[in-house]
């Protein structure tokens, strides 16, 4: 599986989200300045609420742009140990799953070559514990219900 394809798909996904959020932010900003939203009394807070929404959407636009920049800066180097930009095959309870480690976009699921790949942050419990380990090594992650043991099958 090619890590470059995974990274490209992830950036494409964020670019699509960016377009949607920018469009929503523009619509909300237009709504805030519309005459229809003029206050009709001291308890009419529609304009204020729309302003808060527009502000939050603009903040999300900036976050997505930062995420894209961070992803574009990842160096995809094949290594024997798990690091940022690694594609890792991890086993848990007899099931194997591919994980791609980044600093952002954790929780994103991508389909690559017919295989699901879960993007996880190096700051997540699994990502953090896997860092620096190699194939054949195990690590544990404590959840509210149990202590889970994971085994690294392959690192690329």
N, C-alpha and C. Protein backbone atom coordinates (compact mmCIF):
# COMPACT_ATOMS: atom_id res chain seq x y z
N UNK A 1 0.85 -1.17 0.00
CA UNK A 1 0.00 0.00 0.00
C UNK A 1 0.90 1.24 0.00
N UNK A 2 0.57 2.19 -0.84
CA UNK A 2 1.39 3.39 -1.03
C UNK A 2 0.95 4.50 -0.06
N UNK A 3 1.87 4.92 0.80
CA UNK A 3 1.58 5.97 1.78
C UNK A 3 1.29 7.30 1.10
N UNK A 4 1.89 7.52 -0.06
CA UNK A 4 1.67 8.77 -0.78
C UNK A 4 0.20 8.89 -1.21
N UNK A 5 -0.39 7.77 -1.61
CA UNK A 5 -1.81 7.75 -1.99
C UNK A 5 -2.67 8.08 -0.78
N UNK A 6 -2.34 7.50 0.37
CA UNK A 6 -3.08 7.76 1.60
C UNK A 6 -3.03 9.25 1.95
N UNK A 7 -1.84 9.81 1.91
CA UNK A 7 -1.67 11.22 2.24
C UNK A 7 -2.42 12.11 1.25
N UNK A 8 -2.35 11.77 -0.03
CA UNK A 8 -3.05 12.54 -1.06
C UNK A 8 -4.56 12.49 -0.83
N UNK A 9 -5.09 11.30 -0.53
CA UNK A 9 -6.54 11.17 -0.28
C UNK A 9 -6.95 11.97 0.95
N UNK A 10 -6.12 11.96 1.96
CA UNK A 10 -6.42 12.70 3.19
C UNK A 10 -6.45 14.21 2.91
N UNK A 11 -5.49 14.70 2.16
CA UNK A 11 -5.45 16.12 1.81
C UNK A 11 -6.64 16.48 0.93
N UNK A 12 -6.99 15.61 -0.01
CA UNK A 12 -8.16 15.85 -0.87
C UNK A 12 -9.44 15.94 -0.02
N UNK A 13 -9.55 15.05 0.95
CA UNK A 13 -10.71 15.05 1.84
C UNK A 13 -10.81 16.37 2.61
N UNK A 14 -9.69 16.84 3.11
CA UNK A 14 -9.68 18.12 3.84
C UNK A 14 -9.97 19.29 2.92
N UNK A 15 -9.48 19.24 1.69
CA UNK A 15 -9.78 20.31 0.73
C UNK A 15 -11.27 20.38 0.43
N UNK A 16 -11.93 19.22 0.32
CA UNK A 16 -13.39 19.20 0.10
C UNK A 16 -14.12 19.79 1.31
N UNK A 17 -13.68 19.40 2.51
CA UNK A 17 -14.28 19.95 3.72
C UNK A 17 -14.07 21.46 3.78
N UNK A 18 -12.89 21.92 3.37
CA UNK A 18 -12.59 23.35 3.37
C UNK A 18 -13.55 24.11 2.46
N UNK A 19 -13.81 23.59 1.28
CA UNK A 19 -14.74 24.24 0.35
C UNK A 19 -16.13 24.34 0.98
N UNK A 20 -16.58 23.26 1.61
CA UNK A 20 -17.90 23.26 2.25
C UNK A 20 -17.98 24.26 3.40
N UNK A 21 -16.97 24.27 4.23
CA UNK A 21 -16.99 25.17 5.39
C UNK A 21 -16.86 26.63 4.96
N UNK A 22 -16.03 26.90 3.95
CA UNK A 22 -15.92 28.27 3.44
C UNK A 22 -17.25 28.75 2.87
N UNK A 23 -17.94 27.87 2.16
CA UNK A 23 -19.25 28.22 1.60
C UNK A 23 -20.25 28.50 2.71
N UNK A 24 -20.27 27.65 3.73
CA UNK A 24 -21.18 27.85 4.86
C UNK A 24 -20.85 29.15 5.59
N UNK A 25 -19.57 29.44 5.75
CA UNK A 25 -19.17 30.66 6.44
C UNK A 25 -19.60 31.90 5.66
N UNK A 26 -19.48 31.84 4.34
CA UNK A 26 -19.91 32.97 3.51
C UNK A 26 -21.42 33.16 3.61
N UNK A 27 -22.17 32.07 3.57
CA UNK A 27 -23.63 32.16 3.69
C UNK A 27 -24.03 32.75 5.03
N UNK A 28 -23.38 32.30 6.08
CA UNK A 28 -23.70 32.80 7.42
C UNK A 28 -23.33 34.27 7.54
N UNK A 29 -22.19 34.66 6.97
CA UNK A 29 -21.78 36.07 7.02
C UNK A 29 -22.79 36.93 6.27
N UNK A 30 -23.26 36.43 5.12
CA UNK A 30 -24.28 37.17 4.36
C UNK A 30 -25.56 37.30 5.17
N UNK A 31 -25.90 36.25 5.90
CA UNK A 31 -27.10 36.27 6.72
C UNK A 31 -26.99 37.31 7.83
N UNK A 32 -25.81 37.39 8.44
CA UNK A 32 -25.60 38.34 9.54
C UNK A 32 -25.82 39.77 9.07
N UNK A 33 -25.43 40.06 7.85
CA UNK A 33 -25.55 41.44 7.35
C UNK A 33 -26.87 41.70 6.63
N UNK A 34 -27.73 40.69 6.55
CA UNK A 34 -29.02 40.86 5.86
C UNK A 34 -29.99 41.69 6.71
N UNK A 35 -30.86 42.43 6.02
CA UNK A 35 -31.85 43.25 6.71
C UNK A 35 -32.87 42.41 7.47
N UNK A 36 -33.10 41.17 7.03
CA UNK A 36 -34.08 40.29 7.67
C UNK A 36 -33.71 39.97 9.12
N UNK A 37 -32.43 40.10 9.43
CA UNK A 37 -31.98 39.70 10.75
C UNK A 37 -31.86 40.88 11.72
N UNK A 38 -32.37 42.01 11.36
CA UNK A 38 -32.34 43.15 12.27
C UNK A 38 -33.13 42.80 13.53
N UNK A 39 -32.61 43.20 14.64
CA UNK A 39 -33.23 42.91 15.93
C UNK A 39 -34.63 43.51 16.02
N UNK A 40 -35.56 42.71 16.50
CA UNK A 40 -36.94 43.17 16.66
C UNK A 40 -37.28 43.43 18.13
N UNK A 41 -36.29 43.44 18.95
CA UNK A 41 -36.50 43.69 20.37
C UNK A 41 -35.28 43.26 21.15
N UNK A 42 -35.29 43.59 22.45
CA UNK A 42 -34.10 43.30 23.24
C UNK A 42 -33.87 41.80 23.46
N UNK A 43 -34.87 40.96 23.24
CA UNK A 43 -34.71 39.52 23.42
C UNK A 43 -34.46 38.78 22.10
N UNK A 44 -34.41 39.51 21.02
CA UNK A 44 -34.16 38.92 19.70
C UNK A 44 -32.64 38.82 19.50
N UNK A 45 -32.12 37.61 19.62
CA UNK A 45 -30.67 37.41 19.56
C UNK A 45 -30.23 36.69 18.29
N UNK A 46 -31.08 36.64 17.28
CA UNK A 46 -30.74 35.92 16.05
C UNK A 46 -29.46 36.44 15.41
N UNK A 47 -29.30 37.74 15.33
CA UNK A 47 -28.11 38.32 14.69
C UNK A 47 -26.85 37.98 15.48
N UNK A 48 -26.95 38.03 16.80
CA UNK A 48 -25.80 37.70 17.65
C UNK A 48 -25.43 36.23 17.47
N UNK A 49 -26.42 35.37 17.48
CA UNK A 49 -26.17 33.93 17.31
C UNK A 49 -25.57 33.64 15.93
N UNK A 50 -26.07 34.27 14.90
CA UNK A 50 -25.54 34.09 13.55
C UNK A 50 -24.10 34.58 13.48
N UNK A 51 -23.81 35.66 14.20
CA UNK A 51 -22.44 36.18 14.24
C UNK A 51 -21.49 35.19 14.92
N UNK A 52 -21.93 34.59 16.01
CA UNK A 52 -21.13 33.56 16.69
C UNK A 52 -20.86 32.38 15.76
N UNK A 53 -21.90 31.97 15.04
CA UNK A 53 -21.76 30.85 14.10
C UNK A 53 -20.76 31.20 12.99
N UNK A 54 -20.88 32.38 12.44
CA UNK A 54 -19.95 32.80 11.39
C UNK A 54 -18.51 32.82 11.90
N UNK A 55 -18.33 33.30 13.12
CA UNK A 55 -17.00 33.34 13.73
C UNK A 55 -16.43 31.93 13.90
N UNK A 56 -17.25 31.01 14.37
CA UNK A 56 -16.80 29.62 14.56
C UNK A 56 -16.46 28.96 13.22
N UNK A 57 -17.26 29.26 12.21
CA UNK A 57 -16.99 28.68 10.89
C UNK A 57 -15.69 29.22 10.31
N UNK A 58 -15.42 30.49 10.50
CA UNK A 58 -14.16 31.06 10.03
C UNK A 58 -12.97 30.46 10.78
N UNK A 59 -13.16 30.21 12.06
CA UNK A 59 -12.11 29.56 12.84
C UNK A 59 -11.84 28.16 12.30
N UNK A 60 -12.92 27.42 11.95
CA UNK A 60 -12.76 26.07 11.39
C UNK A 60 -12.04 26.12 10.04
N UNK A 61 -12.32 27.14 9.25
CA UNK A 61 -11.62 27.30 7.96
C UNK A 61 -10.11 27.40 8.21
N UNK A 62 -9.72 28.20 9.18
CA UNK A 62 -8.29 28.36 9.49
C UNK A 62 -7.69 27.07 10.02
N UNK A 63 -8.44 26.33 10.84
CA UNK A 63 -7.95 25.05 11.36
C UNK A 63 -7.71 24.06 10.22
N UNK A 64 -8.63 24.00 9.27
CA UNK A 64 -8.48 23.08 8.14
C UNK A 64 -7.26 23.46 7.31
N UNK A 65 -7.08 24.76 7.06
CA UNK A 65 -5.91 25.21 6.31
C UNK A 65 -4.61 24.82 7.01
N UNK A 66 -4.59 24.96 8.33
CA UNK A 66 -3.42 24.55 9.11
C UNK A 66 -3.20 23.04 9.01
N UNK A 67 -4.28 22.27 9.11
CA UNK A 67 -4.17 20.81 9.00
C UNK A 67 -3.60 20.41 7.65
N UNK A 68 -4.08 21.04 6.59
CA UNK A 68 -3.58 20.73 5.24
C UNK A 68 -2.09 21.04 5.15
N UNK A 69 -1.69 22.19 5.68
CA UNK A 69 -0.28 22.57 5.65
C UNK A 69 0.58 21.55 6.41
N UNK A 70 0.10 21.13 7.58
CA UNK A 70 0.84 20.15 8.37
C UNK A 70 0.99 18.83 7.62
N UNK A 71 -0.08 18.41 6.95
CA UNK A 71 -0.02 17.16 6.19
C UNK A 71 0.92 17.28 4.99
N UNK A 72 0.91 18.43 4.35
CA UNK A 72 1.80 18.63 3.20
C UNK A 72 3.27 18.62 3.62
N UNK A 73 3.55 18.91 4.88
CA UNK A 73 4.92 18.94 5.39
C UNK A 73 5.43 17.58 5.88
N UNK A 74 4.56 16.56 5.91
CA UNK A 74 4.99 15.24 6.39
C UNK A 74 5.94 14.60 5.39
N UNK A 75 7.06 14.11 5.89
CA UNK A 75 8.00 13.37 5.06
C UNK A 75 7.65 11.89 5.17
N UNK A 76 7.42 11.27 4.02
CA UNK A 76 7.07 9.85 4.00
C UNK A 76 8.33 9.03 3.79
N UNK A 77 8.88 8.57 4.88
CA UNK A 77 10.12 7.80 4.86
C UNK A 77 9.82 6.39 5.37
N UNK A 78 10.28 5.38 4.66
CA UNK A 78 10.13 4.02 5.16
C UNK A 78 11.10 3.83 6.31
N UNK A 79 10.58 3.36 7.42
CA UNK A 79 11.40 3.16 8.61
C UNK A 79 10.99 1.86 9.29
N UNK A 80 11.88 1.35 10.10
CA UNK A 80 11.60 0.12 10.82
C UNK A 80 10.79 0.37 12.08
N UNK A 81 10.82 1.60 12.55
CA UNK A 81 10.10 1.98 13.76
C UNK A 81 8.95 2.93 13.41
N UNK A 82 7.90 2.87 14.19
CA UNK A 82 6.72 3.72 13.96
C UNK A 82 7.09 5.18 14.22
N UNK A 83 6.73 6.02 13.26
CA UNK A 83 6.97 7.46 13.37
C UNK A 83 5.86 8.19 12.62
N UNK A 84 5.90 9.50 12.66
CA UNK A 84 4.93 10.30 11.92
C UNK A 84 5.04 9.93 10.44
N UNK A 85 3.89 9.70 9.81
CA UNK A 85 3.87 9.32 8.40
C UNK A 85 4.00 7.83 8.17
N UNK A 86 4.03 7.05 9.24
CA UNK A 86 4.12 5.59 9.11
C UNK A 86 2.76 4.99 8.80
N UNK A 87 2.78 3.94 8.00
CA UNK A 87 1.62 3.10 7.79
C UNK A 87 1.90 1.84 8.59
N UNK A 88 1.01 1.56 9.55
CA UNK A 88 1.27 0.47 10.49
C UNK A 88 0.11 -0.52 10.47
N UNK A 89 0.45 -1.79 10.36
CA UNK A 89 -0.55 -2.84 10.47
C UNK A 89 -0.50 -3.32 11.91
N UNK A 90 -1.62 -3.15 12.63
CA UNK A 90 -1.69 -3.47 14.05
C UNK A 90 -2.77 -4.52 14.28
N UNK A 91 -2.46 -5.45 15.16
CA UNK A 91 -3.41 -6.52 15.49
C UNK A 91 -3.97 -6.30 16.89
N UNK A 92 -5.28 -6.49 17.00
CA UNK A 92 -5.95 -6.42 18.29
C UNK A 92 -7.03 -7.50 18.30
N UNK A 93 -6.96 -8.40 19.27
CA UNK A 93 -7.91 -9.50 19.40
C UNK A 93 -8.07 -10.29 18.10
N UNK A 94 -6.96 -10.58 17.47
CA UNK A 94 -6.96 -11.40 16.27
C UNK A 94 -7.35 -10.68 14.99
N UNK A 95 -7.71 -9.41 15.07
CA UNK A 95 -8.06 -8.66 13.87
C UNK A 95 -6.97 -7.64 13.57
N UNK A 96 -6.64 -7.54 12.27
CA UNK A 96 -5.60 -6.61 11.85
C UNK A 96 -6.20 -5.41 11.13
N UNK A 97 -5.64 -4.25 11.41
CA UNK A 97 -6.14 -3.00 10.80
C UNK A 97 -4.94 -2.11 10.48
N UNK A 98 -5.06 -1.42 9.35
CA UNK A 98 -4.03 -0.45 8.97
C UNK A 98 -4.30 0.90 9.63
N UNK A 99 -3.23 1.50 10.14
CA UNK A 99 -3.29 2.83 10.74
C UNK A 99 -2.24 3.70 10.05
N UNK A 100 -2.61 4.95 9.78
CA UNK A 100 -1.67 5.92 9.22
C UNK A 100 -1.51 7.02 10.25
N UNK A 101 -0.27 7.28 10.69
CA UNK A 101 -0.03 8.23 11.78
C UNK A 101 0.32 9.62 11.26
N UNK A 102 -0.43 10.61 11.76
CA UNK A 102 -0.20 12.02 11.44
C UNK A 102 -0.35 12.84 12.72
N UNK A 103 -0.22 14.14 12.58
CA UNK A 103 -0.45 15.02 13.74
C UNK A 103 -1.89 15.50 13.78
N UNK A 104 -2.64 15.26 12.70
CA UNK A 104 -3.97 15.82 12.57
C UNK A 104 -4.91 14.85 11.86
N UNK A 105 -6.17 15.18 11.83
CA UNK A 105 -7.20 14.40 11.10
C UNK A 105 -7.43 13.01 11.68
N UNK A 106 -7.15 12.83 12.95
CA UNK A 106 -7.40 11.55 13.59
C UNK A 106 -8.86 11.15 13.49
N UNK A 107 -9.09 9.88 13.24
CA UNK A 107 -10.45 9.36 13.14
C UNK A 107 -10.96 9.28 11.72
N UNK A 108 -10.22 9.82 10.78
CA UNK A 108 -10.63 9.74 9.37
C UNK A 108 -10.40 8.33 8.85
N UNK A 109 -11.40 7.78 8.19
CA UNK A 109 -11.29 6.45 7.60
C UNK A 109 -11.19 6.61 6.09
N UNK A 110 -10.17 6.01 5.50
CA UNK A 110 -9.97 6.04 4.06
C UNK A 110 -9.97 4.63 3.50
N UNK A 111 -10.39 4.48 2.26
CA UNK A 111 -10.30 3.19 1.57
C UNK A 111 -9.16 3.31 0.56
N UNK A 112 -8.16 2.45 0.68
CA UNK A 112 -7.01 2.47 -0.21
C UNK A 112 -6.75 1.04 -0.67
N UNK A 113 -6.75 0.86 -1.97
CA UNK A 113 -6.54 -0.48 -2.55
C UNK A 113 -7.50 -1.50 -1.96
N UNK A 114 -8.72 -1.08 -1.67
CA UNK A 114 -9.72 -1.99 -1.12
C UNK A 114 -9.57 -2.27 0.36
N UNK A 115 -8.63 -1.62 1.00
CA UNK A 115 -8.39 -1.81 2.44
C UNK A 115 -8.75 -0.55 3.22
N UNK A 116 -9.46 -0.70 4.34
CA UNK A 116 -9.71 0.47 5.18
C UNK A 116 -8.43 0.87 5.91
N UNK A 117 -8.18 2.17 5.94
CA UNK A 117 -7.02 2.72 6.65
C UNK A 117 -7.56 3.78 7.60
N UNK A 118 -7.30 3.62 8.89
CA UNK A 118 -7.73 4.59 9.88
C UNK A 118 -6.58 5.56 10.15
N UNK A 119 -6.86 6.84 9.96
CA UNK A 119 -5.87 7.87 10.25
C UNK A 119 -5.95 8.16 11.74
N UNK A 120 -4.80 8.09 12.42
CA UNK A 120 -4.78 8.40 13.84
C UNK A 120 -3.67 9.41 14.12
N UNK A 121 -3.89 10.20 15.11
CA UNK A 121 -2.93 11.20 15.52
C UNK A 121 -1.85 10.54 16.38
N UNK A 122 -0.64 11.06 16.28
CA UNK A 122 0.43 10.58 17.15
C UNK A 122 0.17 10.97 18.60
N UNK A 123 -0.81 11.85 18.80
CA UNK A 123 -1.18 12.27 20.15
C UNK A 123 -2.30 11.42 20.73
N UNK A 124 -2.88 10.53 19.93
CA UNK A 124 -3.94 9.63 20.41
C UNK A 124 -3.30 8.54 21.27
N UNK A 125 -4.08 7.86 22.08
CA UNK A 125 -3.50 6.80 22.92
C UNK A 125 -2.77 5.72 22.11
N UNK A 126 -3.38 5.23 21.04
CA UNK A 126 -2.73 4.19 20.23
C UNK A 126 -1.50 4.76 19.52
N UNK A 127 -1.66 5.92 18.89
CA UNK A 127 -0.55 6.54 18.18
C UNK A 127 0.63 6.83 19.09
N UNK A 128 0.34 7.37 20.25
CA UNK A 128 1.40 7.71 21.19
C UNK A 128 2.16 6.48 21.68
N UNK A 129 1.43 5.42 22.00
CA UNK A 129 2.07 4.20 22.51
C UNK A 129 2.84 3.44 21.43
N UNK A 130 2.40 3.56 20.16
CA UNK A 130 3.05 2.84 19.07
C UNK A 130 4.34 3.52 18.61
N UNK A 131 4.47 4.82 18.85
CA UNK A 131 5.65 5.56 18.40
C UNK A 131 6.94 4.90 18.87
N UNK A 132 7.85 4.73 17.94
CA UNK A 132 9.16 4.18 18.29
C UNK A 132 9.24 2.67 18.34
N UNK A 133 8.12 1.99 18.18
CA UNK A 133 8.12 0.53 18.23
C UNK A 133 8.25 -0.04 16.81
N UNK A 134 8.67 -1.30 16.73
CA UNK A 134 8.84 -1.96 15.45
C UNK A 134 7.97 -3.20 15.35
N UNK A 135 8.03 -3.84 14.19
CA UNK A 135 7.25 -5.06 13.94
C UNK A 135 7.57 -6.12 14.99
N UNK A 136 6.53 -6.78 15.48
CA UNK A 136 6.68 -7.82 16.49
C UNK A 136 6.56 -7.31 17.91
N UNK A 137 6.61 -6.00 18.10
CA UNK A 137 6.50 -5.44 19.45
C UNK A 137 5.04 -5.19 19.81
N UNK A 138 4.75 -5.24 21.10
CA UNK A 138 3.39 -5.03 21.60
C UNK A 138 3.36 -3.80 22.50
N UNK A 139 2.16 -3.27 22.67
CA UNK A 139 1.97 -2.14 23.59
C UNK A 139 0.57 -2.24 24.16
N UNK A 140 0.36 -1.54 25.27
CA UNK A 140 -0.94 -1.56 25.93
C UNK A 140 -1.53 -0.16 25.99
N UNK A 141 -2.86 -0.12 25.90
CA UNK A 141 -3.59 1.13 26.02
C UNK A 141 -4.72 0.89 27.01
N UNK A 142 -4.79 1.76 28.01
CA UNK A 142 -5.85 1.63 29.01
C UNK A 142 -7.09 2.37 28.53
N UNK A 143 -8.23 1.66 28.54
CA UNK A 143 -9.52 2.26 28.21
C UNK A 143 -10.35 2.28 29.49
N UNK A 144 -11.48 2.97 29.50
CA UNK A 144 -12.30 2.98 30.72
C UNK A 144 -12.75 1.57 31.14
N UNK A 145 -12.87 0.65 30.18
CA UNK A 145 -13.35 -0.69 30.51
C UNK A 145 -12.26 -1.71 30.75
N UNK A 146 -11.11 -1.55 30.06
CA UNK A 146 -10.10 -2.61 30.12
C UNK A 146 -8.74 -2.10 29.67
N UNK A 147 -7.74 -2.93 29.90
CA UNK A 147 -6.41 -2.69 29.36
C UNK A 147 -6.33 -3.49 28.07
N UNK A 148 -6.04 -2.83 26.95
CA UNK A 148 -5.99 -3.49 25.65
C UNK A 148 -4.54 -3.67 25.22
N UNK A 149 -4.25 -4.84 24.67
CA UNK A 149 -2.92 -5.14 24.18
C UNK A 149 -2.96 -5.20 22.65
N UNK A 150 -2.09 -4.42 22.03
CA UNK A 150 -1.97 -4.35 20.58
C UNK A 150 -0.61 -4.88 20.16
N UNK A 151 -0.54 -5.47 18.97
CA UNK A 151 0.73 -5.97 18.45
C UNK A 151 0.96 -5.36 17.08
N UNK A 152 2.17 -4.84 16.89
CA UNK A 152 2.54 -4.27 15.60
C UNK A 152 2.99 -5.41 14.68
N UNK A 153 2.31 -5.55 13.56
CA UNK A 153 2.61 -6.61 12.61
C UNK A 153 3.60 -6.13 11.56
N UNK A 154 3.38 -4.89 11.07
CA UNK A 154 4.22 -4.39 9.98
C UNK A 154 4.27 -2.87 10.05
N UNK A 155 5.45 -2.31 9.75
CA UNK A 155 5.65 -0.86 9.71
C UNK A 155 6.22 -0.49 8.35
N UNK A 156 5.63 0.51 7.72
CA UNK A 156 6.22 1.00 6.46
C UNK A 156 6.13 2.51 6.41
